[in-house]
Protein backbone atom coordinates (compact mmCIF):
# COMPACT_ATOMS: atom_id res chain seq x y z
CA MET A 1 17.52 32.89 -1.03
CA LYS A 2 14.33 34.48 -2.44
CA SER A 3 11.68 36.09 -0.34
CA THR A 4 9.44 33.92 1.84
CA THR A 5 6.03 32.77 0.67
CA ILE A 6 3.40 30.91 2.61
CA THR A 7 2.40 27.41 1.40
CA ARG A 8 -0.99 26.10 2.36
CA ILE A 9 -1.55 22.34 2.08
CA TRP A 10 -5.00 20.66 2.27
CA HIS A 11 -5.58 16.87 2.21
CA GLY A 12 -8.75 15.01 1.39
CA ARG A 13 -9.76 11.40 0.51
CA THR A 14 -12.38 10.08 -1.89
CA LYS A 15 -13.29 6.64 -3.21
CA ALA A 16 -10.94 5.79 -6.08
CA GLU A 17 -13.86 5.39 -8.40
CA HIS A 18 -14.65 9.10 -7.85
CA ALA A 19 -11.12 10.37 -8.50
CA ASN A 20 -11.70 11.92 -11.86
CA GLU A 21 -15.07 13.43 -10.95
CA TYR A 22 -13.68 14.93 -7.68
CA LEU A 23 -10.71 16.39 -9.60
CA GLU A 24 -13.10 18.15 -11.94
CA PHE A 25 -15.17 19.44 -9.04
CA LEU A 26 -12.10 20.57 -7.20
CA THR A 27 -10.88 22.44 -10.21
CA LYS A 28 -14.20 24.28 -10.66
CA THR A 29 -14.53 25.24 -7.01
CA GLY A 30 -11.31 25.35 -4.96
CA VAL A 31 -8.84 26.06 -7.75
CA ALA A 32 -11.07 28.79 -9.18
CA ASP A 33 -11.41 30.41 -5.72
CA TYR A 34 -7.70 30.18 -4.99
CA LYS A 35 -6.78 31.74 -8.30
CA SER A 36 -9.25 34.58 -7.97
CA THR A 37 -8.00 35.55 -4.50
CA GLU A 38 -5.56 38.47 -4.42
CA GLY A 39 -2.20 37.30 -3.18
CA ASN A 40 -2.41 33.74 -4.50
CA LYS A 41 0.78 32.93 -6.37
CA SER A 42 0.16 29.34 -7.53
CA VAL A 43 -2.05 26.27 -7.19
CA GLU A 44 -1.04 22.62 -7.58
CA ILE A 45 -3.10 19.47 -7.08
CA LEU A 46 -1.44 16.22 -6.18
CA ARG A 47 -3.37 12.98 -6.48
CA ARG A 48 -2.55 9.39 -5.54
CA VAL A 49 -4.71 6.37 -5.78
CA SER A 50 -4.01 3.75 -3.10
CA GLY A 51 -6.28 0.68 -3.37
CA ASP A 52 -9.89 1.83 -3.32
CA VAL A 53 -9.04 5.31 -1.97
CA CYS A 54 -7.78 8.37 -3.77
CA HIS A 55 -5.85 11.04 -1.83
CA PHE A 56 -5.83 14.66 -2.95
CA TRP A 57 -3.57 17.42 -1.79
CA THR A 58 -3.97 21.03 -2.82
CA VAL A 59 -0.74 22.96 -2.53
CA THR A 60 -1.14 26.72 -2.82
CA LYS A 61 1.42 29.47 -2.50
CA TRP A 62 0.57 32.94 -1.10
CA ASP A 63 2.42 36.17 -0.66
CA THR A 64 1.37 36.70 2.96
CA VAL A 65 -0.79 35.19 5.77
CA GLU A 66 -3.18 38.12 5.17
CA SER A 67 -3.72 36.83 1.61
CA VAL A 68 -4.51 33.32 2.95
CA LYS A 69 -7.10 34.93 5.20
CA LYS A 70 -8.75 36.52 2.14
CA PHE A 71 -9.40 32.95 0.90
CA ALA A 72 -9.96 31.05 4.13
CA GLY A 73 -11.23 33.66 6.58
CA GLU A 74 -9.76 34.89 9.83
CA ASP A 75 -9.45 31.35 11.27
CA TYR A 76 -7.23 30.48 8.35
CA GLU A 77 -5.80 27.23 9.90
CA LYS A 78 -9.22 25.59 9.41
CA ALA A 79 -9.89 23.73 6.18
CA LYS A 80 -12.38 25.31 3.82
CA TYR A 81 -15.02 23.02 2.38
CA TYR A 82 -17.84 23.38 -0.14
CA GLU A 83 -21.35 21.97 0.39
CA GLU A 84 -20.94 19.54 -2.56
CA ASP A 85 -17.76 18.06 -0.88
CA ALA A 86 -20.15 15.85 1.11
CA ARG A 87 -20.84 13.88 -2.10
CA PHE A 88 -17.22 12.90 -2.45
CA LEU A 89 -15.02 13.11 0.65
CA LEU A 90 -14.71 10.24 3.07
CA GLU A 91 -13.96 12.54 5.94
CA PHE A 92 -13.51 16.25 6.70
CA GLU A 93 -10.12 16.95 8.10
CA PRO A 94 -10.49 20.04 10.30
CA ASN A 95 -7.23 21.80 9.63
CA VAL A 96 -4.69 22.48 6.90
CA ILE A 97 -0.90 22.94 7.09
CA HIS A 98 0.88 26.26 6.55
CA CYS A 99 4.65 26.47 5.99
CA GLU A 100 7.05 29.26 5.33
CA THR A 101 8.54 28.47 1.97
CA PHE A 102 12.00 29.49 0.86
CA GLU A 103 13.11 29.45 -2.79
CA PHE A 104 16.74 29.19 -3.71
C-alpha cells in the first residue's frame, strides 16, 4: 500500500446545452487554480449528460489536508466557486467530499 493522499470531490450541474462552454470555463479557472497550488498531485474532470442536465465532478488529489487548505481556505470542506459560475450552474452545493485515498 502506498502513502495516503487526500481526494477532494466537487459536484456541479449545468444545462446540457452549456456542457462544452462550462468545461472550457472550468478548465481555465478551477483546473488552473488546482494545478498552481502547491501540494496538488492531480486533477480529473468527470462529465455526464443526463437528459437536459450535465453533471460535472472535479476529482483532485492532494498530498495533505494543509495543501487542500492552500486552495480552498481554512474552511476547506466548503465548495469554492467563481463569480462567473452563476452563469452556468443550476445550484451551488455548499460542501465537497474529502476522502483518504490508498493506492495499491
